[in-house]
N, C-alpha and C. Protein backbone atom coordinates (compact mmCIF):
# COMPACT_ATOMS: atom_id res chain seq x y z
N MET A 1 17.84 -0.57 -3.20
CA MET A 1 17.61 -1.80 -2.42
C MET A 1 16.36 -2.48 -2.97
N GLY A 2 16.44 -3.76 -3.22
CA GLY A 2 15.31 -4.53 -3.72
C GLY A 2 14.40 -4.98 -2.61
N PHE A 3 13.28 -5.57 -3.00
CA PHE A 3 12.28 -6.04 -2.04
C PHE A 3 12.83 -7.13 -1.14
N LEU A 4 13.59 -8.09 -1.71
CA LEU A 4 14.15 -9.17 -0.90
C LEU A 4 15.19 -8.65 0.09
N ASN A 5 15.98 -7.69 -0.32
CA ASN A 5 16.95 -7.09 0.61
C ASN A 5 16.22 -6.38 1.74
N TRP A 6 15.13 -5.70 1.41
CA TRP A 6 14.34 -5.02 2.43
C TRP A 6 13.79 -6.02 3.46
N LEU A 7 13.27 -7.15 2.95
CA LEU A 7 12.77 -8.16 3.87
C LEU A 7 13.88 -8.74 4.74
N GLN A 8 15.08 -8.94 4.18
CA GLN A 8 16.20 -9.44 4.95
C GLN A 8 16.60 -8.45 6.04
N GLU A 9 16.58 -7.18 5.72
CA GLU A 9 16.93 -6.16 6.70
C GLU A 9 15.95 -6.12 7.86
N LEU A 10 14.68 -6.45 7.61
CA LEU A 10 13.69 -6.46 8.68
C LEU A 10 14.04 -7.48 9.76
N GLY A 11 14.64 -8.59 9.37
CA GLY A 11 14.90 -9.67 10.31
C GLY A 11 16.20 -9.55 11.07
N ARG A 12 16.98 -8.54 10.80
CA ARG A 12 18.27 -8.38 11.51
C ARG A 12 18.03 -7.89 12.92
N ASP A 13 18.93 -8.26 13.81
CA ASP A 13 18.86 -7.79 15.19
C ASP A 13 19.03 -6.29 15.23
N ALA A 14 18.34 -5.64 16.15
CA ALA A 14 18.49 -4.20 16.34
C ALA A 14 19.88 -3.89 16.90
N ASN A 15 20.35 -4.74 17.80
CA ASN A 15 21.67 -4.56 18.40
C ASN A 15 22.32 -5.93 18.49
N PRO A 16 23.19 -6.27 17.53
CA PRO A 16 23.79 -7.61 17.54
C PRO A 16 24.64 -7.90 18.77
N ALA A 17 25.12 -6.87 19.49
CA ALA A 17 25.93 -7.11 20.68
C ALA A 17 25.09 -7.52 21.88
N ALA A 18 23.79 -7.23 21.88
CA ALA A 18 22.92 -7.58 22.98
C ALA A 18 22.48 -9.04 22.88
N ASP A 19 22.09 -9.60 24.01
CA ASP A 19 21.62 -10.98 24.04
C ASP A 19 20.24 -11.09 23.43
N GLY A 20 19.99 -12.19 22.76
CA GLY A 20 18.65 -12.47 22.23
C GLY A 20 18.35 -11.71 20.96
N PHE A 21 17.19 -11.99 20.45
CA PHE A 21 16.73 -11.39 19.20
C PHE A 21 15.86 -10.17 19.52
N GLN A 22 16.22 -9.01 19.00
CA GLN A 22 15.44 -7.82 19.21
C GLN A 22 14.86 -7.39 17.86
N ALA A 23 13.70 -7.85 17.58
CA ALA A 23 13.06 -7.55 16.29
C ALA A 23 12.49 -6.13 16.31
N SER A 24 12.52 -5.49 15.16
CA SER A 24 11.93 -4.15 15.06
C SER A 24 10.41 -4.29 14.99
N MET A 25 9.72 -3.21 15.27
CA MET A 25 8.25 -3.22 15.22
C MET A 25 7.76 -3.52 13.82
N LEU A 26 8.44 -3.00 12.80
CA LEU A 26 8.06 -3.27 11.43
C LEU A 26 8.16 -4.75 11.10
N TYR A 27 9.21 -5.42 11.62
CA TYR A 27 9.35 -6.86 11.41
C TYR A 27 8.17 -7.63 12.01
N LEU A 28 7.76 -7.24 13.19
CA LEU A 28 6.65 -7.91 13.84
C LEU A 28 5.34 -7.71 13.08
N ILE A 29 5.14 -6.50 12.57
CA ILE A 29 3.93 -6.21 11.80
C ILE A 29 3.92 -7.02 10.52
N VAL A 30 5.07 -7.05 9.80
CA VAL A 30 5.16 -7.81 8.55
C VAL A 30 4.98 -9.30 8.81
N SER A 31 5.52 -9.80 9.93
CA SER A 31 5.41 -11.23 10.26
C SER A 31 3.97 -11.66 10.49
N VAL A 32 3.13 -10.74 10.94
CA VAL A 32 1.71 -11.04 11.15
C VAL A 32 0.88 -10.71 9.90
N ALA A 33 1.12 -9.56 9.30
CA ALA A 33 0.29 -9.09 8.20
C ALA A 33 0.52 -9.84 6.91
N LEU A 34 1.76 -10.21 6.61
CA LEU A 34 2.04 -10.88 5.33
C LEU A 34 1.36 -12.23 5.21
N PRO A 35 1.42 -13.12 6.19
CA PRO A 35 0.69 -14.39 6.07
C PRO A 35 -0.81 -14.21 5.96
N VAL A 36 -1.35 -13.22 6.70
CA VAL A 36 -2.79 -12.96 6.59
C VAL A 36 -3.14 -12.48 5.20
N ALA A 37 -2.36 -11.56 4.65
CA ALA A 37 -2.61 -11.05 3.30
C ALA A 37 -2.50 -12.16 2.26
N ILE A 38 -1.54 -13.05 2.40
CA ILE A 38 -1.40 -14.17 1.46
C ILE A 38 -2.61 -15.08 1.56
N GLY A 39 -3.07 -15.37 2.78
CA GLY A 39 -4.25 -16.21 2.96
C GLY A 39 -5.50 -15.61 2.35
N ILE A 40 -5.68 -14.31 2.51
CA ILE A 40 -6.84 -13.64 1.92
C ILE A 40 -6.75 -13.70 0.41
N PHE A 41 -5.57 -13.44 -0.16
CA PHE A 41 -5.38 -13.47 -1.60
C PHE A 41 -5.66 -14.85 -2.17
N VAL A 42 -5.14 -15.89 -1.53
CA VAL A 42 -5.39 -17.26 -2.00
C VAL A 42 -6.86 -17.62 -1.84
N GLY A 43 -7.48 -17.21 -0.75
CA GLY A 43 -8.89 -17.51 -0.53
C GLY A 43 -9.78 -16.90 -1.60
N PHE A 44 -9.53 -15.63 -1.92
CA PHE A 44 -10.32 -14.98 -2.98
C PHE A 44 -10.04 -15.61 -4.34
N GLY A 45 -8.79 -15.99 -4.56
CA GLY A 45 -8.43 -16.64 -5.83
C GLY A 45 -9.15 -17.98 -6.00
N LEU A 46 -9.20 -18.76 -4.93
CA LEU A 46 -9.89 -20.05 -4.99
C LEU A 46 -11.40 -19.84 -5.17
N ARG A 47 -11.94 -18.84 -4.53
CA ARG A 47 -13.38 -18.56 -4.70
C ARG A 47 -13.69 -18.16 -6.13
N LEU A 48 -12.80 -17.40 -6.76
CA LEU A 48 -12.97 -17.04 -8.16
C LEU A 48 -12.92 -18.27 -9.05
N ILE A 49 -12.01 -19.19 -8.78
CA ILE A 49 -11.92 -20.43 -9.55
C ILE A 49 -13.18 -21.26 -9.36
N GLU A 50 -13.68 -21.32 -8.12
CA GLU A 50 -14.91 -22.08 -7.86
C GLU A 50 -16.08 -21.51 -8.66
N ARG A 51 -16.21 -20.21 -8.69
CA ARG A 51 -17.32 -19.60 -9.43
C ARG A 51 -17.16 -19.79 -10.93
N ALA A 52 -15.92 -19.70 -11.42
CA ALA A 52 -15.67 -19.82 -12.85
C ALA A 52 -16.01 -21.24 -13.36
N PHE A 53 -15.69 -22.26 -12.54
CA PHE A 53 -15.92 -23.65 -12.97
C PHE A 53 -17.17 -24.26 -12.36
N GLY A 54 -17.88 -23.57 -11.50
CA GLY A 54 -19.12 -24.06 -10.92
C GLY A 54 -18.91 -25.22 -9.97
N ILE A 55 -17.79 -25.22 -9.24
CA ILE A 55 -17.52 -26.29 -8.27
C ILE A 55 -17.33 -25.67 -6.89
N GLU A 56 -17.38 -26.50 -5.85
CA GLU A 56 -17.10 -26.06 -4.49
C GLU A 56 -15.99 -26.93 -3.94
N LEU A 57 -14.80 -26.37 -3.87
CA LEU A 57 -13.63 -27.14 -3.45
C LEU A 57 -13.65 -27.47 -1.97
N GLY A 58 -14.25 -26.63 -1.15
CA GLY A 58 -14.28 -26.85 0.29
C GLY A 58 -15.24 -27.94 0.73
N ARG A 59 -16.06 -28.45 -0.14
CA ARG A 59 -17.03 -29.49 0.23
C ARG A 59 -16.65 -30.84 -0.36
N GLY A 60 -15.42 -31.03 -0.69
CA GLY A 60 -14.96 -32.32 -1.19
C GLY A 60 -15.46 -32.64 -2.58
N GLY A 61 -15.82 -31.64 -3.36
CA GLY A 61 -16.23 -31.87 -4.74
C GLY A 61 -17.68 -32.25 -4.90
N HIS A 62 -18.51 -32.16 -3.86
CA HIS A 62 -19.92 -32.53 -3.96
C HIS A 62 -20.70 -31.50 -4.71
């Protein structure tokens, strides 16, 4: 099973016959942790670019 299939399996209902969406605990953790991890990764990447080029992107280029 590949990574994308694993992510798709996280979003499936626990019991399709029951009413509503019953997400697994792992799905809820990934739904919160993955966006946070992406934000941290992008933030550190931008900080590295700022230091490499001697600019500050968050201050409008001043």
